[in-house]
């Protein structure tokens, strides 16, 4: 894709299927507490006008709507029309008539007036030029406004205890896939510098990670469904048979190059745009 800000759909490696939307809902049940805390620390509060990039099925939209309250406004954009319909229905059912959804990409969206904040969750990791998207976000907030992105670092994954060979193997598959499939798999740890390159002051950052376990943990299903969503792309990138490894579709699965054990990190940068008033 030549236009670095033209769209994000062709770069969203997990696709836009009904299955992927269900997987996003499962993921949200695990990550939403972190995101809610992140938005509050970032300064999203009552009465603010907020733009959300890549809203998907509206998980972050609902959180932002509650935080800004009925006297605020949340404008959510995405290029997946079906996901927008789901998000629109969810916000309507929740009584949030101060939330608007628009099918448009980041580059095309033209706000009537500048926002108090631009937010996004797991968006930049899928964009071909994260720095350009950040610069575009800066253009959409007024002086003193807020830019807050919550992103993964999928260049490695923390190994749990005790030894869990199947889970470790799935994590290695995911890490190796993102290493090959996206421009910046460690976008979370790059944001401190990328935001400054976009003309912003040094951001406030925090690193967080979900820790869970036990027989009823939703993390197992989340990992399995993530691989299921990615499986066509994993196979397209080149998979080979691994002895003793049973794949998601009942077939062995693995990359030609052995995946190394890594850890997963998540960084939550947040900052305020500063300038002359």
Foldseek 3Di string as FASTA:
>chain_A
DPPLFQALQVLPLLHDDPLVLVLVVLVCVQCVVVVLVLCVVLPLAAQFEEEEEACFLNSVVVSSLVRNDQNHAYEYEHQRPVSQVNNVVVCVVVVRPRYHYDNGTLVPDDDPAAGQEYEYEARLQRGQDSLVSLLSRVVRHDAFGKYKYKHKQLCAADDDPDDDPQVQQLSLLSSVLSVPRTPHSGVQVVVQVSNVVSVADRWDKDKDDDDDDDPPDSVVVSSLSSCVSNVVVQVVVPWDADPPAQHSVRGGTHHPDHGDHGHMMIMITMDTHHDDD
